[in-house]
Amino acid sequence: MARVVWHVPVTATTTGTGSPTALRLFRLRDGRRCAVGFSSPEALTALLGPDQAHTEIGEPALRDLTAPLGVSTLVLDPRLVAPPVSVPTPPPAPASAPTAQLQHR
């Protein structure tokens, strides 16, 4: 059986004693935290950019890492990473709107 590997985004910070790595968590539209993984490094780069650090990990290990944090949702190859933005359209201006004039005193 082939080993299924997820490419998971991490944050890496360089310190004087080494390079600690932390799993990067995201949020679902309803605000719950989730972990994301990608089926290929190319899919990760396409969504998060070429500078995003990542590691390879199997799904069971990812579940084991996130469970103590209260994260139970894993998302593979997410497409949407932000809630939709709705821009309200202003009401149309009346055709004969009065013009305001400033007066100096």
Protein backbone atom coordinates (compact mmCIF):
# COMPACT_ATOMS: atom_id res chain seq x y z
CA MET A 1 0.00 0.00 0.00
CA ALA A 2 1.37 3.41 -0.96
CA ARG A 3 2.00 5.94 1.78
CA VAL A 4 -0.26 8.98 1.40
CA VAL A 5 1.59 12.17 2.23
CA TRP A 6 0.02 15.54 2.91
CA HIS A 7 2.04 18.70 2.33
CA VAL A 8 1.19 20.80 5.37
CA PRO A 9 2.04 24.51 5.82
CA VAL A 10 4.21 25.36 8.81
CA THR A 11 5.81 28.43 10.28
CA ALA A 12 9.54 28.19 10.72
CA THR A 13 11.48 30.62 12.88
CA THR A 14 15.22 30.61 13.10
CA THR A 15 16.66 30.95 16.58
CA GLY A 16 20.15 30.62 17.99
CA THR A 17 19.50 26.98 18.91
CA GLY A 18 17.92 25.78 15.68
CA SER A 19 14.80 26.16 13.56
CA PRO A 20 11.61 25.45 15.51
CA THR A 21 8.68 24.57 13.30
CA ALA A 22 5.01 24.98 14.17
CA LEU A 23 1.97 23.69 12.34
CA ARG A 24 0.04 26.51 10.69
CA LEU A 25 -3.67 26.38 11.49
CA PHE A 26 -6.48 28.11 9.61
CA ARG A 27 -10.14 28.95 10.24
CA LEU A 28 -13.28 27.74 8.56
CA ARG A 29 -15.98 30.20 7.54
CA ASP A 30 -17.82 29.56 10.81
CA GLY A 31 -14.70 30.44 12.82
CA ARG A 32 -13.64 26.94 13.88
CA ARG A 33 -9.95 26.15 13.57
CA CYS A 34 -8.80 23.55 11.07
CA ALA A 35 -5.61 22.10 9.70
CA VAL A 36 -5.03 22.06 5.96
CA GLY A 37 -2.96 19.83 3.77
CA PHE A 38 -2.24 19.65 0.09
CA SER A 39 -1.86 16.67 -2.20
CA SER A 40 1.25 18.17 -3.83
CA PRO A 41 3.80 20.91 -3.18
CA GLU A 42 2.56 22.61 -6.35
CA ALA A 43 -1.00 22.84 -4.98
CA LEU A 44 0.33 24.37 -1.75
CA THR A 45 2.46 26.90 -3.65
CA ALA A 46 -0.42 27.83 -5.95
CA LEU A 47 -2.62 28.82 -3.01
CA LEU A 48 -0.18 30.05 -0.35
CA GLY A 49 2.74 31.25 -2.45
CA PRO A 50 6.30 30.09 -3.07
CA ASP A 51 7.62 31.35 0.27
CA GLN A 52 5.31 29.20 2.39
CA ALA A 53 7.31 26.64 4.36
CA HIS A 54 5.81 23.17 4.55
CA THR A 55 6.47 19.66 5.75
CA GLU A 56 5.29 16.24 4.65
CA ILE A 57 3.12 14.30 7.07
CA GLY A 58 0.54 11.54 6.96
CA GLU A 59 -3.10 12.14 7.85
CA PRO A 60 -3.06 10.03 11.05
CA ALA A 61 -0.04 11.95 12.37
CA LEU A 62 -1.70 15.27 11.50
CA ARG A 63 -4.82 14.22 13.42
CA ASP A 64 -2.64 13.23 16.39
CA LEU A 65 -0.92 16.63 16.36
CA THR A 66 -4.12 18.68 16.15
CA ALA A 67 -6.37 16.70 18.53
CA PRO A 68 -4.82 18.11 21.75
CA LEU A 69 -5.46 21.61 20.35
CA GLY A 70 -9.16 20.88 19.91
CA VAL A 71 -8.86 20.81 16.13
CA SER A 72 -10.79 17.94 14.59
CA THR A 73 -11.31 19.19 11.03
CA LEU A 74 -8.74 18.56 8.31
CA VAL A 75 -9.13 20.09 4.87
CA LEU A 76 -7.33 18.63 1.87
CA ASP A 77 -6.58 20.96 -1.06
CA PRO A 78 -8.66 23.94 0.06
CA ARG A 79 -9.90 26.24 -2.66
CA LEU A 80 -11.26 29.13 -0.62
CA VAL A 81 -9.26 30.60 2.25
CA ALA A 82 -11.29 33.71 3.07
CA PRO A 83 -14.95 34.55 3.45
CA PRO A 84 -16.55 36.23 0.46
CA VAL A 85 -16.44 39.99 0.52
CA SER A 86 -19.73 41.74 -0.10
CA VAL A 87 -19.54 45.32 -1.16
CA PRO A 88 -22.80 47.17 -0.62
CA THR A 89 -23.94 49.11 -3.63
CA PRO A 90 -24.97 52.65 -2.81
CA PRO A 91 -28.51 53.65 -3.71
CA PRO A 92 -28.77 55.64 -6.93
CA ALA A 93 -28.68 59.41 -6.47
CA PRO A 94 -31.95 61.19 -7.18
CA ALA A 95 -32.00 62.95 -10.54
CA SER A 96 -32.82 66.34 -9.04
CA ALA A 97 -30.74 66.23 -5.88
CA PRO A 98 -30.25 69.65 -4.29
CA THR A 99 -26.70 70.95 -4.35
CA ALA A 100 -25.15 72.01 -1.08
CA GLN A 101 -23.28 75.28 -1.09
CA LEU A 102 -20.81 76.49 1.53
CA GLN A 103 -20.83 80.10 2.66
CA HIS A 104 -17.94 81.99 4.20
CA ARG A 105 -18.67 84.10 7.25
